[in-house]
Amino acid sequence: MRRYVLELYTSCCSSCFWYYTVSIQSAYKELSLPAGVTADWYSDKMENTEDARAFQTNAKVFSGGMDKVQIIDYYNMWNDYEKDLQPGRYNGPAYAAEAIDRSFPSNKDKVLILDVAAGTGLVGEELVKRGFKEIHALDPSESMLMKAKKKNVYKKLLCEFVNPEPSPTIENDAYHCVVCSGGFGSGHIPAGALREMIRITKPGGMIVVVMREEYLNIPEYSDSLEPLMKQLQNEGLWMCIERSVVHKYFCDKHGVIFRYRVLHRHL
């Protein structure tokens, strides 16, 4: 895995952001909308312009029009991240923590968890509320991780991507649980990284992925993500415990929860 150690930028080039000059009331008519975003959604949300603004801001980074460096720049400069992804608007972290809670109902203080695409620590906060204490964070955005560090919910921070190639910084069978909420989408975690998640999870451990349901059908994943999940099960590497659709994952968008129990590490 290629590891990125990134600088914090004081300014951002125009290629990293899209600037809109139209008002929120007419934006849905004039913008080139990202995949999964419809004009009807903006029209329906005009009564809550904060929801519409947060949805737009999030949609830009999942549009598929940025490379990895631009995506990291975007996250580094996203100052209103926690305001835009606050509970009630973005419920993925709570869904993820609840799924882990179902998987480990006892001895929670001994369960070692890796939070992949941890961002500013939203999942970590939800896990601590439920009694989990041994939590590590992995994210390629140094700025996001520095914000997560201040919350004191993580014992270790890893500034890197999760990729199909093994990370030299994480040993085999390192974690009882690997969780990812919101990390799968255009330009983000590749489907092949599921094998890496299996490698670093102990046999008998759990992998929890929570994502927007409609992202299963984007070009990047439509022929690779769920098909690979099924292939990995056919190979005897893991077993599906749960696949459930949930409401209000992000704004009015449905989410999907995957829970897999790792059976073997041999890849």
Protein backbone atom coordinates (compact mmCIF):
# COMPACT_ATOMS: atom_id res chain seq x y z
CA MET A 1 0.00 0.00 0.00
CA ARG A 2 1.22 3.42 -0.82
CA ARG A 3 1.24 5.51 2.32
CA TYR A 4 0.51 9.20 2.17
CA VAL A 5 1.85 11.70 4.66
CA LEU A 6 0.15 14.93 3.77
CA GLU A 7 0.72 18.57 4.49
CA LEU A 8 -2.07 20.84 5.65
CA TYR A 9 -2.77 23.35 2.97
CA THR A 10 -3.62 26.96 3.70
CA SER A 11 -5.29 27.38 0.37
CA CYS A 12 -6.83 25.09 -2.18
CA CYS A 13 -6.52 25.11 -5.92
CA SER A 14 -9.69 25.63 -7.89
CA SER A 15 -9.51 22.10 -9.28
CA CYS A 16 -10.33 20.70 -5.82
CA PHE A 17 -13.62 22.55 -5.38
CA TRP A 18 -16.63 23.50 -7.42
CA TYR A 19 -17.82 27.01 -6.88
CA TYR A 20 -21.44 27.88 -7.36
CA THR A 21 -22.66 31.37 -8.17
CA VAL A 22 -26.35 30.56 -8.26
CA SER A 23 -28.61 30.78 -5.24
CA ILE A 24 -29.69 27.69 -3.32
CA GLN A 25 -33.24 28.18 -4.60
CA SER A 26 -32.18 27.78 -8.24
CA ALA A 27 -29.08 25.61 -7.84
CA TYR A 28 -30.85 22.35 -8.58
CA LYS A 29 -31.88 23.72 -11.99
CA GLU A 30 -28.47 24.96 -13.07
CA LEU A 31 -25.87 22.60 -11.62
CA SER A 32 -24.40 19.56 -13.25
CA LEU A 33 -25.58 17.14 -10.59
CA PRO A 34 -23.39 14.31 -9.25
CA ALA A 35 -24.46 10.69 -9.59
CA GLY A 36 -27.35 9.86 -7.29
CA VAL A 37 -28.46 13.48 -6.93
CA THR A 38 -31.68 14.52 -8.62
CA ALA A 39 -33.25 17.92 -9.19
CA ASP A 40 -36.31 16.70 -7.28
CA TRP A 41 -34.16 16.21 -4.19
CA TYR A 42 -33.06 19.85 -4.20
CA SER A 43 -36.60 21.00 -4.88
CA ASP A 44 -37.95 18.96 -1.98
CA LYS A 45 -35.27 20.27 0.37
CA MET A 46 -35.65 23.99 -0.31
CA GLU A 47 -37.47 24.41 2.99
CA ASN A 48 -34.33 23.21 4.79
CA THR A 49 -31.47 24.97 3.08
CA GLU A 50 -28.94 23.65 5.62
CA ASP A 51 -29.76 20.07 4.60
CA ALA A 52 -29.48 21.06 0.93
CA ARG A 53 -26.14 22.80 1.47
CA ALA A 54 -24.73 19.85 3.45
CA PHE A 55 -25.95 17.41 0.81
CA GLN A 56 -24.30 19.45 -1.95
CA THR A 57 -21.02 19.70 -0.08
CA ASN A 58 -20.91 15.94 0.48
CA ALA A 59 -21.99 15.19 -3.09
CA LYS A 60 -19.01 17.05 -4.56
CA VAL A 61 -16.42 14.75 -3.02
CA PHE A 62 -18.35 11.64 -4.14
CA SER A 63 -18.94 12.92 -7.67
CA GLY A 64 -16.22 10.80 -9.24
CA GLY A 65 -14.51 13.87 -10.67
CA MET A 66 -11.54 14.03 -8.29
CA ASP A 67 -8.37 12.01 -7.94
CA LYS A 68 -7.15 10.86 -4.53
CA VAL A 69 -4.97 13.89 -3.89
CA GLN A 70 -7.84 16.24 -4.68
CA ILE A 71 -10.16 14.23 -2.44
CA ILE A 72 -7.75 14.51 0.48
CA ASP A 73 -7.36 18.24 -0.16
CA TYR A 74 -11.13 18.56 -0.09
CA TYR A 75 -11.44 16.76 3.25
CA ASN A 76 -8.54 18.74 4.70
CA MET A 77 -10.33 21.98 3.87
CA TRP A 78 -13.85 20.85 4.86
CA ASN A 79 -14.17 22.99 7.99
CA ASP A 80 -17.89 22.35 8.47
CA TYR A 81 -17.54 18.57 8.20
CA GLU A 82 -19.06 17.78 11.57
CA LYS A 83 -21.80 20.37 11.17
CA ASP A 84 -22.70 18.99 7.74
CA LEU A 85 -22.56 15.36 8.92
CA GLN A 86 -24.18 15.85 12.30
CA PRO A 87 -26.35 13.10 13.84
CA GLY A 88 -29.87 13.19 12.48
CA ARG A 89 -28.59 14.24 9.06
CA TYR A 90 -25.85 11.59 8.75
CA ASN A 91 -26.66 8.49 10.79
CA GLY A 92 -24.06 6.12 9.37
CA PRO A 93 -21.79 6.24 12.45
CA ALA A 94 -24.64 5.30 14.78
CA TYR A 95 -25.74 2.47 12.47
CA ALA A 96 -22.14 1.20 12.35
CA ALA A 97 -21.71 1.31 16.12
CA GLU A 98 -25.03 -0.46 16.67
CA ALA A 99 -23.94 -3.22 14.26
CA ILE A 100 -20.72 -3.70 16.24
CA ASP A 101 -22.69 -3.67 19.47
CA ARG A 102 -24.80 -6.55 18.13
CA SER A 103 -21.63 -8.42 17.20
CA PHE A 104 -19.84 -7.99 20.54
CA PRO A 105 -22.44 -7.83 23.33
CA SER A 106 -19.91 -8.57 26.10
CA ASN A 107 -16.26 -7.85 27.00
CA LYS A 108 -16.48 -4.67 24.94
CA ASP A 109 -13.47 -3.11 26.61
CA LYS A 110 -11.27 -5.89 25.19
CA VAL A 111 -12.45 -5.69 21.57
CA LEU A 112 -9.77 -4.10 19.36
CA ILE A 113 -11.44 -2.15 16.54
CA LEU A 114 -10.03 -0.41 13.46
CA ASP A 115 -12.18 2.45 12.19
CA VAL A 116 -11.41 2.75 8.45
CA ALA A 117 -12.09 6.15 6.84
CA ALA A 118 -12.44 7.44 10.37
CA GLY A 119 -12.57 11.12 9.44
CA THR A 120 -12.95 13.28 12.54
CA GLY A 121 -13.97 10.35 14.73
CA LEU A 122 -17.74 10.18 14.41
CA VAL A 123 -17.80 6.37 14.56
CA GLY A 124 -15.29 6.36 17.40
CA GLU A 125 -17.53 8.61 19.47
CA GLU A 126 -20.51 6.32 18.91
CA LEU A 127 -18.46 3.26 19.88
CA VAL A 128 -17.26 4.86 23.12
CA LYS A 129 -20.88 5.62 24.03
CA ARG A 130 -21.54 1.88 23.80
CA GLY A 131 -18.63 0.85 26.00
CA PHE A 132 -15.89 0.12 23.46
CA LYS A 133 -12.47 1.47 24.40
CA GLU A 134 -9.75 -0.11 22.24
CA ILE A 135 -10.22 1.76 18.98
CA HIS A 136 -7.73 2.72 16.26
CA ALA A 137 -8.41 5.19 13.44
CA LEU A 138 -7.27 5.01 9.81
CA ASP A 139 -7.78 7.86 7.36
CA PRO A 140 -5.66 9.45 4.59
CA SER A 141 -6.54 13.00 5.71
CA GLU A 142 -4.07 14.27 8.30
CA SER A 143 -6.31 17.23 9.08
CA MET A 144 -9.27 14.96 9.83
CA LEU A 145 -7.15 12.73 12.05
CA MET A 146 -5.86 15.70 14.04
CA LYS A 147 -9.46 16.64 14.81
CA ALA A 148 -10.21 13.04 15.76
CA LYS A 149 -7.17 12.97 18.06
CA LYS A 150 -8.58 15.81 20.16
CA LYS A 151 -11.60 13.68 21.06
CA ASN A 152 -9.45 11.11 22.88
CA VAL A 153 -11.47 8.17 21.59
CA TYR A 154 -8.64 6.52 19.60
CA LYS A 155 -5.58 4.78 20.99
CA LYS A 156 -3.73 4.90 17.65
CA LEU A 157 -3.95 6.96 14.43
CA LEU A 158 -2.89 5.72 10.99
CA CYS A 159 -2.67 8.29 8.19
CA GLU A 160 -2.99 6.17 5.07
CA PHE A 161 -5.35 4.69 2.51
CA VAL A 162 -6.79 1.21 2.69
CA ASN A 163 -6.07 -0.51 -0.63
CA PRO A 164 -6.05 -4.04 -2.07
CA GLU A 165 -2.30 -4.20 -1.38
CA PRO A 166 -1.24 -5.10 2.19
CA SER A 167 -0.30 -2.21 4.42
CA PRO A 168 3.21 -2.54 5.87
CA THR A 169 2.02 -0.80 9.04
CA ILE A 170 -0.71 -3.34 9.97
CA GLU A 171 0.04 -6.96 10.81
CA ASN A 172 -2.04 -9.97 9.85
CA ASP A 173 -4.92 -10.81 12.21
CA ALA A 174 -4.48 -7.51 14.08
CA TYR A 175 -8.09 -6.61 14.92
CA HIS A 176 -11.20 -8.22 16.33
CA CYS A 177 -13.30 -5.89 14.21
CA VAL A 178 -12.81 -3.61 11.21
CA VAL A 179 -15.53 -1.04 10.58
CA CYS A 180 -16.09 1.46 7.78
CA SER A 181 -18.92 3.98 7.63
CA GLY A 182 -19.15 6.24 4.60
CA GLY A 183 -15.81 5.22 3.10
CA PHE A 184 -17.20 3.50 0.01
CA GLY A 185 -18.14 5.77 -2.90
CA SER A 186 -16.73 7.19 -6.14
CA GLY A 187 -12.99 7.77 -5.87
CA HIS A 188 -12.83 6.41 -2.34
CA ILE A 189 -12.16 2.86 -1.11
CA PRO A 190 -11.78 0.35 -3.97
CA ALA A 191 -13.75 -2.88 -3.84
CA GLY A 192 -10.52 -4.89 -3.75
CA ALA A 193 -9.69 -3.41 -0.34
CA LEU A 194 -12.12 -5.92 1.17
CA ARG A 195 -9.32 -8.50 0.95
CA GLU A 196 -7.06 -6.24 2.96
CA MET A 197 -9.80 -5.84 5.59
CA ILE A 198 -9.99 -9.61 5.85
CA ARG A 199 -6.20 -9.91 6.15
CA ILE A 200 -6.03 -7.60 9.16
CA THR A 201 -9.06 -9.11 10.94
CA LYS A 202 -8.66 -12.06 13.28
CA PRO A 203 -10.40 -15.32 12.28
CA GLY A 204 -13.77 -15.20 14.02
CA GLY A 205 -13.70 -11.40 13.98
CA MET A 206 -16.16 -9.07 12.26
CA ILE A 207 -16.07 -6.67 9.36
CA VAL A 208 -18.82 -4.03 9.27
CA VAL A 209 -19.39 -1.83 6.23
CA VAL A 210 -22.07 0.86 6.22
CA MET A 211 -22.62 2.86 3.04
CA ARG A 212 -25.20 4.59 0.91
CA GLU A 213 -27.31 1.94 -0.80
CA GLU A 214 -27.39 3.62 -4.20
CA TYR A 215 -23.57 3.62 -4.35
CA LEU A 216 -23.75 -0.13 -4.93
CA ASN A 217 -24.83 0.71 -8.48
CA ILE A 218 -22.20 3.29 -9.45
CA PRO A 219 -19.82 2.18 -12.25
CA GLU A 220 -16.97 1.76 -9.77
CA TYR A 221 -18.85 -0.88 -7.76
CA SER A 222 -21.76 -2.26 -9.80
CA ASP A 223 -19.80 -5.22 -11.16
CA SER A 224 -17.28 -5.52 -8.36
CA LEU A 225 -18.37 -4.74 -4.79
CA GLU A 226 -21.21 -7.12 -3.96
CA PRO A 227 -19.98 -9.69 -6.49
CA LEU A 228 -16.61 -9.67 -4.70
CA MET A 229 -18.33 -10.01 -1.33
CA LYS A 230 -20.04 -13.15 -2.62
CA GLN A 231 -16.81 -14.44 -4.16
CA LEU A 232 -14.95 -14.02 -0.88
CA GLN A 233 -17.68 -16.02 0.84
CA ASN A 234 -17.43 -18.73 -1.82
CA GLU A 235 -13.69 -18.84 -1.17
CA GLY A 236 -14.42 -19.54 2.49
CA LEU A 237 -12.82 -16.32 3.74
CA TRP A 238 -15.88 -14.86 5.44
CA MET A 239 -19.58 -15.44 6.00
CA CYS A 240 -22.40 -12.92 5.66
CA ILE A 241 -24.19 -12.31 8.96
CA GLU A 242 -26.27 -9.33 7.90
CA ARG A 243 -27.25 -7.34 4.86
CA SER A 244 -29.92 -4.83 5.80
CA VAL A 245 -31.23 -1.62 4.29
CA VAL A 246 -31.74 1.29 6.70
CA HIS A 247 -33.60 4.55 6.31
CA LYS A 248 -32.24 8.06 6.79
CA TYR A 249 -28.61 7.02 6.37
CA PHE A 250 -27.80 10.47 5.02
CA CYS A 251 -30.63 12.98 4.75
CA ASP A 252 -33.40 11.03 3.00
CA LYS A 253 -31.04 8.49 1.39
CA HIS A 254 -31.15 4.83 2.33
CA GLY A 255 -28.08 3.05 3.60
CA VAL A 256 -27.03 -0.58 3.67
CA ILE A 257 -25.30 -2.44 6.50
CA PHE A 258 -23.02 -5.39 5.76
CA ARG A 259 -21.75 -7.58 8.60
CA TYR A 260 -19.33 -10.39 7.82
CA ARG A 261 -17.62 -12.87 10.12
CA VAL A 262 -14.06 -13.65 9.04
CA LEU A 263 -13.42 -17.39 8.78
CA HIS A 264 -9.87 -17.67 7.43
CA ARG A 265 -7.11 -15.23 6.64
CA HIS A 266 -5.37 -17.22 3.91
CA LEU A 267 -5.76 -15.16 0.73
